[in-house]
Amino acid sequence: MLTLIVLLLYTGAVVFDLLPLKKRPKKQNILYCVLLSVSFGVLFVFSLGTEMPSASEPIRSFVQTLFNIE
């Protein structure tokens, strides 16, 4: 059921947002489409029940390395 809701909401967003894209600059359109695709992919995988790996551990490791924290 959640997957169907995700599909319907993103379909509506694409229909209503992509219609006026001809009025915007090309770079902005490309960025919009890439971000929309990434967010759809993440939300769709989440709606299927797949657990996404957490990014907190690599970020913590990077910050500790950057500031020499042990």
PDB file of N, CA and C in Angstrom:
ATOM      1  N   MET A   1       0.826  -1.190   0.000  1.00  0.00           N
ATOM      2  CA  MET A   1       0.000   0.000   0.000  1.00  0.00           C
ATOM      3  C   MET A   1       0.879   1.266   0.000  1.00  0.00           C
ATOM      4  N   LEU A   2       1.955   1.224   0.805  1.00  0.00           N
ATOM      5  CA  LEU A   2       2.845   2.373   0.870  1.00  0.00           C
ATOM      6  C   LEU A   2       3.523   2.619  -0.481  1.00  0.00           C
ATOM      7  N   THR A   3       3.859   1.540  -1.176  1.00  0.00           N
ATOM      8  CA  THR A   3       4.492   1.663  -2.487  1.00  0.00           C
ATOM      9  C   THR A   3       3.545   2.338  -3.471  1.00  0.00           C
ATOM     10  N   LEU A   4       2.289   2.002  -3.440  1.00  0.00           N
ATOM     11  CA  LEU A   4       1.301   2.610  -4.320  1.00  0.00           C
ATOM     12  C   LEU A   4       1.157   4.104  -4.028  1.00  0.00           C
ATOM     13  N   ILE A   5       1.166   4.462  -2.763  1.00  0.00           N
ATOM     14  CA  ILE A   5       1.079   5.875  -2.383  1.00  0.00           C
ATOM     15  C   ILE A   5       2.285   6.647  -2.891  1.00  0.00           C
ATOM     16  N   VAL A   6       3.475   6.065  -2.749  1.00  0.00           N
ATOM     17  CA  VAL A   6       4.700   6.700  -3.238  1.00  0.00           C
ATOM     18  C   VAL A   6       4.620   6.905  -4.745  1.00  0.00           C
ATOM     19  N   LEU A   7       4.198   5.876  -5.464  1.00  0.00           N
ATOM     20  CA  LEU A   7       4.090   5.980  -6.924  1.00  0.00           C
ATOM     21  C   LEU A   7       3.096   7.060  -7.340  1.00  0.00           C
ATOM     22  N   LEU A   8       1.956   7.110  -6.672  1.00  0.00           N
ATOM     23  CA  LEU A   8       0.946   8.111  -7.011  1.00  0.00           C
ATOM     24  C   LEU A   8       1.423   9.533  -6.719  1.00  0.00           C
ATOM     25  N   LEU A   9       2.060   9.722  -5.570  1.00  0.00           N
ATOM     26  CA  LEU A   9       2.531  11.066  -5.213  1.00  0.00           C
ATOM     27  C   LEU A   9       3.634  11.550  -6.158  1.00  0.00           C
ATOM     28  N   TYR A  10       4.571  10.677  -6.490  1.00  0.00           N
ATOM     29  CA  TYR A  10       5.637  11.091  -7.401  1.00  0.00           C
ATOM     30  C   TYR A  10       5.120  11.281  -8.823  1.00  0.00           C
ATOM     31  N   THR A  11       4.141  10.489  -9.225  1.00  0.00           N
ATOM     32  CA  THR A  11       3.531  10.690 -10.537  1.00  0.00           C
ATOM     33  C   THR A  11       2.867  12.060 -10.595  1.00  0.00           C
ATOM     34  N   GLY A  12       2.160  12.421  -9.535  1.00  0.00           N
ATOM     35  CA  GLY A  12       1.537  13.743  -9.478  1.00  0.00           C
ATOM     36  C   GLY A  12       2.568  14.856  -9.484  1.00  0.00           C
ATOM     37  N   ALA A  13       3.652  14.664  -8.757  1.00  0.00           N
ATOM     38  CA  ALA A  13       4.706  15.687  -8.724  1.00  0.00           C
ATOM     39  C   ALA A  13       5.334  15.861 -10.093  1.00  0.00           C
ATOM     40  N   VAL A  14       5.570  14.765 -10.783  1.00  0.00           N
ATOM     41  CA  VAL A  14       6.178  14.846 -12.115  1.00  0.00           C
ATOM     42  C   VAL A  14       5.231  15.533 -13.089  1.00  0.00           C
ATOM     43  N   VAL A  15       3.964  15.164 -13.053  1.00  0.00           N
ATOM     44  CA  VAL A  15       2.995  15.758 -13.979  1.00  0.00           C
ATOM     45  C   VAL A  15       2.863  17.262 -13.747  1.00  0.00           C
ATOM     46  N   PHE A  16       2.740  17.679 -12.488  1.00  0.00           N
ATOM     47  CA  PHE A  16       2.523  19.091 -12.214  1.00  0.00           C
ATOM     48  C   PHE A  16       3.808  19.920 -12.241  1.00  0.00           C
ATOM     49  N   ASP A  17       4.948  19.316 -11.978  1.00  0.00           N
ATOM     50  CA  ASP A  17       6.194  20.076 -11.953  1.00  0.00           C
ATOM     51  C   ASP A  17       6.929  20.076 -13.287  1.00  0.00           C
ATOM     52  N   LEU A  18       6.796  19.042 -14.054  1.00  0.00           N
ATOM     53  CA  LEU A  18       7.538  18.978 -15.305  1.00  0.00           C
ATOM     54  C   LEU A  18       6.852  19.722 -16.445  1.00  0.00           C
ATOM     55  N   LEU A  19       5.586  20.038 -16.308  1.00  0.00           N
ATOM     56  CA  LEU A  19       4.904  20.780 -17.363  1.00  0.00           C
ATOM     57  C   LEU A  19       5.504  22.179 -17.580  1.00  0.00           C
ATOM     58  N   PRO A  20       5.775  22.941 -16.524  1.00  0.00           N
ATOM     59  CA  PRO A  20       6.362  24.279 -16.749  1.00  0.00           C
ATOM     60  C   PRO A  20       7.891  24.278 -16.842  1.00  0.00           C
ATOM     61  N   LEU A  21       8.528  23.130 -17.062  1.00  0.00           N
ATOM     62  CA  LEU A  21       9.986  23.088 -17.108  1.00  0.00           C
ATOM     63  C   LEU A  21      10.568  23.851 -18.297  1.00  0.00           C
ATOM     64  N   LYS A  22       9.820  24.029 -19.338  1.00  0.00           N
ATOM     65  CA  LYS A  22      10.338  24.719 -20.519  1.00  0.00           C
ATOM     66  C   LYS A  22      10.675  26.178 -20.219  1.00  0.00           C
ATOM     67  N   LYS A  23      10.112  26.715 -19.163  1.00  0.00           N
ATOM     68  CA  LYS A  23      10.341  28.124 -18.809  1.00  0.00           C
ATOM     69  C   LYS A  23      11.596  28.315 -17.970  1.00  0.00           C
ATOM     70  N   ARG A  24      12.149  27.228 -17.425  1.00  0.00           N
ATOM     71  CA  ARG A  24      13.324  27.320 -16.564  1.00  0.00           C
ATOM     72  C   ARG A  24      14.605  27.026 -17.345  1.00  0.00           C
ATOM     73  N   PRO A  25      15.742  27.460 -16.825  1.00  0.00           N
ATOM     74  CA  PRO A  25      17.028  27.161 -17.480  1.00  0.00           C
ATOM     75  C   PRO A  25      17.305  25.655 -17.502  1.00  0.00           C
ATOM     76  N   LYS A  26      18.081  25.222 -18.500  1.00  0.00           N
ATOM     77  CA  LYS A  26      18.347  23.797 -18.698  1.00  0.00           C
ATOM     78  C   LYS A  26      19.095  23.168 -17.515  1.00  0.00           C
ATOM     79  N   LYS A  27      20.076  23.878 -16.954  1.00  0.00           N
ATOM     80  CA  LYS A  27      20.830  23.336 -15.820  1.00  0.00           C
ATOM     81  C   LYS A  27      19.920  23.105 -14.626  1.00  0.00           C
ATOM     82  N   GLN A  28      18.994  24.000 -14.411  1.00  0.00           N
ATOM     83  CA  GLN A  28      18.061  23.855 -13.296  1.00  0.00           C
ATOM     84  C   GLN A  28      17.150  22.650 -13.523  1.00  0.00           C
ATOM     85  N   ASN A  29      16.740  22.419 -14.756  1.00  0.00           N
ATOM     86  CA  ASN A  29      15.909  21.261 -15.078  1.00  0.00           C
ATOM     87  C   ASN A  29      16.650  19.959 -14.824  1.00  0.00           C
ATOM     88  N   ILE A  30      17.913  19.912 -15.222  1.00  0.00           N
ATOM     89  CA  ILE A  30      18.709  18.701 -15.024  1.00  0.00           C
ATOM     90  C   ILE A  30      18.883  18.416 -13.538  1.00  0.00           C
ATOM     91  N   LEU A  31      19.217  19.435 -12.770  1.00  0.00           N
ATOM     92  CA  LEU A  31      19.381  19.269 -11.327  1.00  0.00           C
ATOM     93  C   LEU A  31      18.078  18.817 -10.683  1.00  0.00           C
ATOM     94  N   TYR A  32      16.979  19.413 -11.081  1.00  0.00           N
ATOM     95  CA  TYR A  32      15.678  19.037 -10.542  1.00  0.00           C
ATOM     96  C   TYR A  32      15.371  17.573 -10.833  1.00  0.00           C
ATOM     97  N   CYS A  33      15.594  17.141 -12.054  1.00  0.00           N
ATOM     98  CA  CYS A  33      15.306  15.753 -12.433  1.00  0.00           C
ATOM     99  C   CYS A  33      16.211  14.766 -11.696  1.00  0.00           C
ATOM    100  N   VAL A  34      17.478  15.107 -11.528  1.00  0.00           N
ATOM    101  CA  VAL A  34      18.399  14.225 -10.811  1.00  0.00           C
ATOM    102  C   VAL A  34      17.980  14.096  -9.345  1.00  0.00           C
ATOM    103  N   LEU A  35      17.703  15.217  -8.690  1.00  0.00           N
ATOM    104  CA  LEU A  35      17.302  15.171  -7.285  1.00  0.00           C
ATOM    105  C   LEU A  35      15.961  14.457  -7.103  1.00  0.00           C
ATOM    106  N   LEU A  36      15.037  14.674  -8.023  1.00  0.00           N
ATOM    107  CA  LEU A  36      13.745  13.995  -7.958  1.00  0.00           C
ATOM    108  C   LEU A  36      13.924  12.492  -8.125  1.00  0.00           C
ATOM    109  N   SER A  37      14.796  12.086  -9.034  1.00  0.00           N
ATOM    110  CA  SER A  37      15.050  10.657  -9.263  1.00  0.00           C
ATOM    111  C   SER A  37      15.700  10.000  -8.053  1.00  0.00           C
ATOM    112  N   VAL A  38      16.675  10.677  -7.452  1.00  0.00           N
ATOM    113  CA  VAL A  38      17.341  10.123  -6.279  1.00  0.00           C
ATOM    114  C   VAL A  38      16.361   9.996  -5.113  1.00  0.00           C
ATOM    115  N   SER A  39      15.571  11.036  -4.885  1.00  0.00           N
ATOM    116  CA  SER A  39      14.627  10.975  -3.768  1.00  0.00           C
ATOM    117  C   SER A  39      13.559   9.912  -4.013  1.00  0.00           C
ATOM    118  N   PHE A  40      13.123   9.756  -5.260  1.00  0.00           N
ATOM    119  CA  PHE A  40      12.155   8.713  -5.569  1.00  0.00           C
ATOM    120  C   PHE A  40      12.761   7.334  -5.332  1.00  0.00           C
ATOM    121  N   GLY A  41      13.982   7.140  -5.764  1.00  0.00           N
ATOM    122  CA  GLY A  41      14.641   5.849  -5.584  1.00  0.00           C
ATOM    123  C   GLY A  41      14.766   5.463  -4.125  1.00  0.00           C
ATOM    124  N   VAL A  42      15.202   6.397  -3.313  1.00  0.00           N
ATOM    125  CA  VAL A  42      15.363   6.119  -1.879  1.00  0.00           C
ATOM    126  C   VAL A  42      14.012   5.834  -1.229  1.00  0.00           C
ATOM    127  N   LEU A  43      13.016   6.636  -1.526  1.00  0.00           N
ATOM    128  CA  LEU A  43      11.698   6.437  -0.921  1.00  0.00           C
ATOM    129  C   LEU A  43      11.036   5.158  -1.425  1.00  0.00           C
ATOM    130  N   PHE A  44      11.236   4.816  -2.687  1.00  0.00           N
ATOM    131  CA  PHE A  44      10.653   3.596  -3.236  1.00  0.00           C
ATOM    132  C   PHE A  44      11.273   2.362  -2.582  1.00  0.00           C
ATOM    133  N   VAL A  45      12.591   2.357  -2.444  1.00  0.00           N
ATOM    134  CA  VAL A  45      13.268   1.224  -1.795  1.00  0.00           C
ATOM    135  C   VAL A  45      12.828   1.124  -0.338  1.00  0.00           C
ATOM    136  N   PHE A  46      12.685   2.257   0.338  1.00  0.00           N
ATOM    137  CA  PHE A  46      12.206   2.259   1.715  1.00  0.00           C
ATOM    138  C   PHE A  46      10.782   1.706   1.805  1.00  0.00           C
ATOM    139  N   SER A  47       9.931   2.062   0.839  1.00  0.00           N
ATOM    140  CA  SER A  47       8.540   1.598   0.870  1.00  0.00           C
ATOM    141  C   SER A  47       8.436   0.095   0.640  1.00  0.00           C
ATOM    142  N   LEU A  48       9.450  -0.502   0.030  1.00  0.00           N
ATOM    143  CA  LEU A  48       9.453  -1.950  -0.166  1.00  0.00           C
ATOM    144  C   LEU A  48       9.907  -2.699   1.079  1.00  0.00           C
ATOM    145  N   GLY A  49      10.363  -1.962   2.094  1.00  0.00           N
ATOM    146  CA  GLY A  49      10.743  -2.577   3.358  1.00  0.00           C
ATOM    147  C   GLY A  49      12.225  -2.858   3.495  1.00  0.00           C
ATOM    148  N   THR A  50      13.017  -2.396   2.563  1.00  0.00           N
ATOM    149  CA  THR A  50      14.457  -2.600   2.618  1.00  0.00           C
ATOM    150  C   THR A  50      15.072  -1.568   3.548  1.00  0.00           C
ATOM    151  N   GLU A  51      15.955  -2.028   4.430  1.00  0.00           N
ATOM    152  CA  GLU A  51      16.619  -1.091   5.328  1.00  0.00           C
ATOM    153  C   GLU A  51      17.800  -0.447   4.617  1.00  0.00           C
ATOM    154  N   MET A  52      17.895   0.854   4.736  1.00  0.00           N
ATOM    155  CA  MET A  52      18.988   1.598   4.118  1.00  0.00           C
ATOM    156  C   MET A  52      20.142   1.666   5.119  1.00  0.00           C
ATOM    157  N   PRO A  53      21.377   1.527   4.628  1.00  0.00           N
ATOM    158  CA  PRO A  53      22.514   1.637   5.539  1.00  0.00           C
ATOM    159  C   PRO A  53      22.654   3.073   6.062  1.00  0.00           C
ATOM    160  N   SER A  54      23.069   3.180   7.291  1.00  0.00           N
ATOM    161  CA  SER A  54      23.224   4.489   7.903  1.00  0.00           C
ATOM    162  C   SER A  54      24.532   5.140   7.449  1.00  0.00           C
ATOM    163  N   ALA A  55      24.499   6.422   7.239  1.00  0.00           N
ATOM    164  CA  ALA A  55      25.695   7.155   6.828  1.00  0.00           C
ATOM    165  C   ALA A  55      26.424   7.757   8.026  1.00  0.00           C
ATOM    166  N   SER A  56      25.938   7.518   9.222  1.00  0.00           N
ATOM    167  CA  SER A  56      26.526   8.163  10.393  1.00  0.00           C
ATOM    168  C   SER A  56      27.936   7.651  10.707  1.00  0.00           C
ATOM    169  N   GLU A  57      28.185   6.377  10.505  1.00  0.00           N
ATOM    170  CA  GLU A  57      29.502   5.826  10.826  1.00  0.00           C
ATOM    171  C   GLU A  57      30.603   6.378   9.913  1.00  0.00           C
ATOM    172  N   PRO A  58      30.426   6.421   8.583  1.00  0.00           N
ATOM    173  CA  PRO A  58      31.461   7.036   7.744  1.00  0.00           C
ATOM    174  C   PRO A  58      31.660   8.532   8.034  1.00  0.00           C
ATOM    175  N   ILE A  59      30.579   9.236   8.345  1.00  0.00           N
ATOM    176  CA  ILE A  59      30.690  10.658   8.662  1.00  0.00           C
ATOM    177  C   ILE A  59      31.457  10.841   9.965  1.00  0.00           C
ATOM    178  N   ARG A  60      31.135  10.033  10.964  1.00  0.00           N
ATOM    179  CA  ARG A  60      31.837  10.104  12.246  1.00  0.00           C
ATOM    180  C   ARG A  60      33.329   9.812  12.061  1.00  0.00           C
ATOM    181  N   SER A  61      33.646   8.812  11.268  1.00  0.00           N
ATOM    182  CA  SER A  61      35.037   8.457  11.006  1.00  0.00           C
ATOM    183  C   SER A  61      35.769   9.594  10.299  1.00  0.00           C
ATOM    184  N   PHE A  62      35.111  10.222   9.342  1.00  0.00           N
ATOM    185  CA  PHE A  62      35.713  11.344   8.618  1.00  0.00           C
ATOM    186  C   PHE A  62      35.987  12.522   9.543  1.00  0.00           C
ATOM    187  N   VAL A  63      35.026  12.855  10.398  1.00  0.00           N
ATOM    188  CA  VAL A  63      35.184  13.974  11.319  1.00  0.00           C
ATOM    189  C   VAL A  63      36.281  13.680  12.345  1.00  0.00           C
ATOM    190  N   GLN A  64      36.344  12.459  12.835  1.00  0.00           N
ATOM    191  CA  GLN A  64      37.389  12.096  13.781  1.00  0.00           C
ATOM    192  C   GLN A  64      38.763  12.183  13.124  1.00  0.00           C
ATOM    193  N   THR A  65      38.876  11.757  11.883  1.00  0.00           N
ATOM    194  CA  THR A  65      40.140  11.856  11.166  1.00  0.00           C
ATOM    195  C   THR A  65      40.499  13.301  10.888  1.00  0.00           C
ATOM    196  N   LEU A  66      39.505  14.100  10.540  1.00  0.00           N
ATOM    197  CA  LEU A  66      39.726  15.503  10.199  1.00  0.00           C
ATOM    198  C   LEU A  66      40.240  16.309  11.407  1.00  0.00           C
ATOM    199  N   PHE A  67      39.676  16.042  12.576  1.00  0.00           N
ATOM    200  CA  PHE A  67      40.028  16.801  13.773  1.00  0.00           C
ATOM    201  C   PHE A  67      40.935  16.032  14.732  1.00  0.00           C
ATOM    202  N   ASN A  68      41.447  14.912  14.322  1.00  0.00           N
ATOM    203  CA  ASN A  68      42.342  14.076  15.136  1.00  0.00           C
ATOM    204  C   ASN A  68      41.721  13.725  16.486  1.00  0.00           C
ATOM    205  N   ILE A  69      40.479  13.331  16.479  1.00  0.00           N
ATOM    206  CA  ILE A  69      39.753  12.921  17.688  1.00  0.00           C
ATOM    207  C   ILE A  69      39.867  11.398  17.797  1.00  0.00           C
ATOM    208  N   GLU A  70      40.105  10.937  19.003  1.00  0.00           N
ATOM    209  CA  GLU A  70      40.203   9.481  19.188  1.00  0.00           C
ATOM    210  C   GLU A  70      39.070   8.962  20.005  1.00  0.00           C
TER     211      GLU A  70
END
